[in-house]
Amino acid sequence: MTPGIIAAFIVNWGSMSAAAVLTVLPTMVLFALASKWIVQGLTSGAVKE
């Protein structure tokens, strides 16, 4: 088997899933920590004075 995530007819699904989780996880954590300020910004920008 050739090294790497994707070879010619072979996909290493374990490595592919681990890479996807490591890519998405920091974004989810950042959103969870900053959601209060994100919602405040969206609602204050939507109010017309």
PDB file of N, CA and C in Angstrom:
ATOM      1  N   MET A   1       0.840  -1.180   0.000  1.00  0.00           N
ATOM      2  CA  MET A   1       0.000   0.000   0.000  1.00  0.00           C
ATOM      3  C   MET A   1       0.884   1.242   0.000  1.00  0.00           C
ATOM      4  N   THR A   2       0.541   2.205  -0.802  1.00  0.00           N
ATOM      5  CA  THR A   2       1.332   3.426  -0.886  1.00  0.00           C
ATOM      6  C   THR A   2       0.985   4.356   0.281  1.00  0.00           C
ATOM      7  N   PRO A   3       1.958   5.127   0.752  1.00  0.00           N
ATOM      8  CA  PRO A   3       1.672   6.044   1.854  1.00  0.00           C
ATOM      9  C   PRO A   3       0.823   7.218   1.396  1.00  0.00           C
ATOM     10  N   GLY A   4       0.081   7.784   2.312  1.00  0.00           N
ATOM     11  CA  GLY A   4      -0.766   8.924   1.988  1.00  0.00           C
ATOM     12  C   GLY A   4      -2.221   8.617   2.302  1.00  0.00           C
ATOM     13  N   ILE A   5      -3.052   9.602   2.106  1.00  0.00           N
ATOM     14  CA  ILE A   5      -4.471   9.428   2.425  1.00  0.00           C
ATOM     15  C   ILE A   5      -5.223   8.829   1.246  1.00  0.00           C
ATOM     16  N   ILE A   6      -4.947   9.311   0.040  1.00  0.00           N
ATOM     17  CA  ILE A   6      -5.651   8.802  -1.141  1.00  0.00           C
ATOM     18  C   ILE A   6      -4.628   8.278  -2.139  1.00  0.00           C
ATOM     19  N   ALA A   7      -4.782   7.035  -2.541  1.00  0.00           N
ATOM     20  CA  ALA A   7      -3.937   6.441  -3.570  1.00  0.00           C
ATOM     21  C   ALA A   7      -4.849   6.042  -4.726  1.00  0.00           C
ATOM     22  N   ALA A   8      -4.301   5.349  -5.684  1.00  0.00           N
ATOM     23  CA  ALA A   8      -5.091   5.017  -6.876  1.00  0.00           C
ATOM     24  C   ALA A   8      -6.162   3.977  -6.566  1.00  0.00           C
ATOM     25  N   PHE A   9      -7.244   4.045  -6.210  1.00  0.00           N
ATOM     26  CA  PHE A   9      -8.281   3.063  -5.867  1.00  0.00           C
ATOM     27  C   PHE A   9      -8.293   2.712  -4.392  1.00  0.00           C
ATOM     28  N   ILE A  10      -7.520   3.359  -3.562  1.00  0.00           N
ATOM     29  CA  ILE A  10      -7.506   3.063  -2.123  1.00  0.00           C
ATOM     30  C   ILE A  10      -7.654   4.378  -1.369  1.00  0.00           C
ATOM     31  N   VAL A  11      -8.598   4.421  -0.448  1.00  0.00           N
ATOM     32  CA  VAL A  11      -8.784   5.606   0.397  1.00  0.00           C
ATOM     33  C   VAL A  11      -8.605   5.173   1.844  1.00  0.00           C
ATOM     34  N   ASN A  12      -7.702   5.825   2.546  1.00  0.00           N
ATOM     35  CA  ASN A  12      -7.475   5.524   3.955  1.00  0.00           C
ATOM     36  C   ASN A  12      -8.498   6.325   4.768  1.00  0.00           C
ATOM     37  N   TRP A  13      -9.662   5.708   5.036  1.00  0.00           N
ATOM     38  CA  TRP A  13     -10.774   6.425   5.655  1.00  0.00           C
ATOM     39  C   TRP A  13     -10.464   6.842   7.083  1.00  0.00           C
ATOM     40  N   GLY A  14      -9.643   6.102   7.793  1.00  0.00           N
ATOM     41  CA  GLY A  14      -9.283   6.483   9.156  1.00  0.00           C
ATOM     42  C   GLY A  14      -8.518   7.801   9.192  1.00  0.00           C
ATOM     43  N   SER A  15      -7.530   7.930   8.338  1.00  0.00           N
ATOM     44  CA  SER A  15      -6.754   9.171   8.261  1.00  0.00           C
ATOM     45  C   SER A  15      -7.603  10.320   7.730  1.00  0.00           C
ATOM     46  N   MET A  16      -8.477  10.017   6.777  1.00  0.00           N
ATOM     47  CA  MET A  16      -9.340  11.049   6.216  1.00  0.00           C
ATOM     48  C   MET A  16     -10.305  11.581   7.277  1.00  0.00           C
ATOM     49  N   SER A  17     -10.874  10.698   8.084  1.00  0.00           N
ATOM     50  CA  SER A  17     -11.790  11.120   9.143  1.00  0.00           C
ATOM     51  C   SER A  17     -11.065  11.902  10.228  1.00  0.00           C
ATOM     52  N   ALA A  18      -9.877  11.467  10.596  1.00  0.00           N
ATOM     53  CA  ALA A  18      -9.103  12.180  11.609  1.00  0.00           C
ATOM     54  C   ALA A  18      -8.740  13.584  11.126  1.00  0.00           C
ATOM     55  N   ALA A  19      -8.377  13.725   9.882  1.00  0.00           N
ATOM     56  CA  ALA A  19      -8.058  15.045   9.328  1.00  0.00           C
ATOM     57  C   ALA A  19      -9.284  15.937   9.314  1.00  0.00           C
ATOM     58  N   ALA A  20     -10.439  15.385   8.998  1.00  0.00           N
ATOM     59  CA  ALA A  20     -11.675  16.175   8.975  1.00  0.00           C
ATOM     60  C   ALA A  20     -12.029  16.664  10.371  1.00  0.00           C
ATOM     61  N   VAL A  21     -11.894  15.807  11.364  1.00  0.00           N
ATOM     62  CA  VAL A  21     -12.198  16.195  12.746  1.00  0.00           C
ATOM     63  C   VAL A  21     -11.230  17.268  13.225  1.00  0.00           C
ATOM     64  N   LEU A  22      -9.957  17.101  12.935  1.00  0.00           N
ATOM     65  CA  LEU A  22      -8.960  18.087  13.372  1.00  0.00           C
ATOM     66  C   LEU A  22      -9.123  19.415  12.652  1.00  0.00           C
ATOM     67  N   THR A  23      -9.726  19.403  11.471  1.00  0.00           N
ATOM     68  CA  THR A  23      -9.977  20.635  10.741  1.00  0.00           C
ATOM     69  C   THR A  23     -11.199  21.365  11.273  1.00  0.00           C
ATOM     70  N   VAL A  24     -12.252  20.638  11.604  1.00  0.00           N
ATOM     71  CA  VAL A  24     -13.513  21.242  12.018  1.00  0.00           C
ATOM     72  C   VAL A  24     -13.528  21.593  13.509  1.00  0.00           C
ATOM     73  N   LEU A  25     -12.840  20.853  14.325  1.00  0.00           N
ATOM     74  CA  LEU A  25     -12.904  21.026  15.783  1.00  0.00           C
ATOM     75  C   LEU A  25     -12.521  22.422  16.262  1.00  0.00           C
ATOM     76  N   PRO A  26     -11.424  23.036  15.815  1.00  0.00           N
ATOM     77  CA  PRO A  26     -11.101  24.384  16.295  1.00  0.00           C
ATOM     78  C   PRO A  26     -12.172  25.417  15.952  1.00  0.00           C
ATOM     79  N   THR A  27     -12.794  25.289  14.783  1.00  0.00           N
ATOM     80  CA  THR A  27     -13.858  26.212  14.403  1.00  0.00           C
ATOM     81  C   THR A  27     -15.056  26.062  15.320  1.00  0.00           C
ATOM     82  N   MET A  28     -15.427  24.842  15.654  1.00  0.00           N
ATOM     83  CA  MET A  28     -16.556  24.609  16.544  1.00  0.00           C
ATOM     84  C   MET A  28     -16.276  25.134  17.949  1.00  0.00           C
ATOM     85  N   VAL A  29     -15.067  24.941  18.447  1.00  0.00           N
ATOM     86  CA  VAL A  29     -14.708  25.436  19.777  1.00  0.00           C
ATOM     87  C   VAL A  29     -14.717  26.959  19.798  1.00  0.00           C
ATOM     88  N   LEU A  30     -14.170  27.575  18.770  1.00  0.00           N
ATOM     89  CA  LEU A  30     -14.159  29.042  18.697  1.00  0.00           C
ATOM     90  C   LEU A  30     -15.573  29.593  18.643  1.00  0.00           C
ATOM     91  N   PHE A  31     -16.450  28.967  17.873  1.00  0.00           N
ATOM     92  CA  PHE A  31     -17.836  29.423  17.806  1.00  0.00           C
ATOM     93  C   PHE A  31     -18.539  29.243  19.148  1.00  0.00           C
ATOM     94  N   ALA A  32     -18.287  28.137  19.817  1.00  0.00           N
ATOM     95  CA  ALA A  32     -18.925  27.892  21.110  1.00  0.00           C
ATOM     96  C   ALA A  32     -18.479  28.933  22.141  1.00  0.00           C
ATOM     97  N   LEU A  33     -17.223  29.338  22.098  1.00  0.00           N
ATOM     98  CA  LEU A  33     -16.720  30.320  23.050  1.00  0.00           C
ATOM     99  C   LEU A  33     -17.177  31.739  22.710  1.00  0.00           C
ATOM    100  N   ALA A  34     -17.347  32.035  21.438  1.00  0.00           N
ATOM    101  CA  ALA A  34     -17.660  33.404  21.016  1.00  0.00           C
ATOM    102  C   ALA A  34     -19.111  33.578  20.590  1.00  0.00           C
ATOM    103  N   SER A  35     -19.967  32.592  20.802  1.00  0.00           N
ATOM    104  CA  SER A  35     -21.338  32.678  20.309  1.00  0.00           C
ATOM    105  C   SER A  35     -22.116  33.824  20.941  1.00  0.00           C
ATOM    106  N   LYS A  36     -21.817  34.161  22.186  1.00  0.00           N
ATOM    107  CA  LYS A  36     -22.502  35.276  22.851  1.00  0.00           C
ATOM    108  C   LYS A  36     -22.272  36.572  22.073  1.00  0.00           C
ATOM    109  N   TRP A  37     -21.043  36.839  21.719  1.00  0.00           N
ATOM    110  CA  TRP A  37     -20.709  38.074  21.004  1.00  0.00           C
ATOM    111  C   TRP A  37     -21.172  38.034  19.546  1.00  0.00           C
ATOM    112  N   ILE A  38     -21.175  36.851  18.951  1.00  0.00           N
ATOM    113  CA  ILE A  38     -21.656  36.728  17.579  1.00  0.00           C
ATOM    114  C   ILE A  38     -23.147  37.051  17.516  1.00  0.00           C
ATOM    115  N   VAL A  39     -23.919  36.513  18.450  1.00  0.00           N
ATOM    116  CA  VAL A  39     -25.363  36.774  18.473  1.00  0.00           C
ATOM    117  C   VAL A  39     -25.640  38.235  18.781  1.00  0.00           C
ATOM    118  N   GLN A  40     -24.893  38.823  19.703  1.00  0.00           N
ATOM    119  CA  GLN A  40     -25.061  40.249  20.014  1.00  0.00           C
ATOM    120  C   GLN A  40     -24.791  41.116  18.778  1.00  0.00           C
ATOM    121  N   GLY A  41     -23.761  40.803  18.046  1.00  0.00           N
ATOM    122  CA  GLY A  41     -23.442  41.550  16.844  1.00  0.00           C
ATOM    123  C   GLY A  41     -24.495  41.415  15.762  1.00  0.00           C
ATOM    124  N   LEU A  42     -25.012  40.202  15.601  1.00  0.00           N
ATOM    125  CA  LEU A  42     -26.047  39.997  14.588  1.00  0.00           C
ATOM    126  C   LEU A  42     -27.348  40.730  14.957  1.00  0.00           C
ATOM    127  N   THR A  43     -27.726  40.670  16.232  1.00  0.00           N
ATOM    128  CA  THR A  43     -28.981  41.314  16.623  1.00  0.00           C
ATOM    129  C   THR A  43     -28.855  42.835  16.655  1.00  0.00           C
ATOM    130  N   SER A  44     -27.716  43.361  17.056  1.00  0.00           N
ATOM    131  CA  SER A  44     -27.558  44.822  17.073  1.00  0.00           C
ATOM    132  C   SER A  44     -27.468  45.364  15.658  1.00  0.00           C
ATOM    133  N   GLY A  45     -26.946  44.618  14.745  1.00  0.00           N
ATOM    134  CA  GLY A  45     -26.859  45.068  13.361  1.00  0.00           C
ATOM    135  C   GLY A  45     -28.182  44.954  12.631  1.00  0.00           C
ATOM    136  N   ALA A  46     -29.101  44.139  13.151  1.00  0.00           N
ATOM    137  CA  ALA A  46     -30.380  43.935  12.471  1.00  0.00           C
ATOM    138  C   ALA A  46     -31.428  44.965  12.899  1.00  0.00           C
ATOM    139  N   VAL A  47     -31.202  45.657  14.004  1.00  0.00           N
ATOM    140  CA  VAL A  47     -32.184  46.617  14.511  1.00  0.00           C
ATOM    141  C   VAL A  47     -32.021  47.938  13.779  1.00  0.00           C
ATOM    142  N   LYS A  48     -33.108  48.434  13.218  1.00  0.00           N
ATOM    143  CA  LYS A  48     -33.062  49.706  12.514  1.00  0.00           C
ATOM    144  C   LYS A  48     -33.531  50.809  13.457  1.00  0.00           C
ATOM    145  N   GLU A  49     -32.719  51.821  13.614  1.00  0.00           N
ATOM    146  CA  GLU A  49     -33.062  52.914  14.531  1.00  0.00           C
ATOM    147  C   GLU A  49     -33.530  54.140  13.797  1.00  0.00           C
TER     148      GLU A  49
END
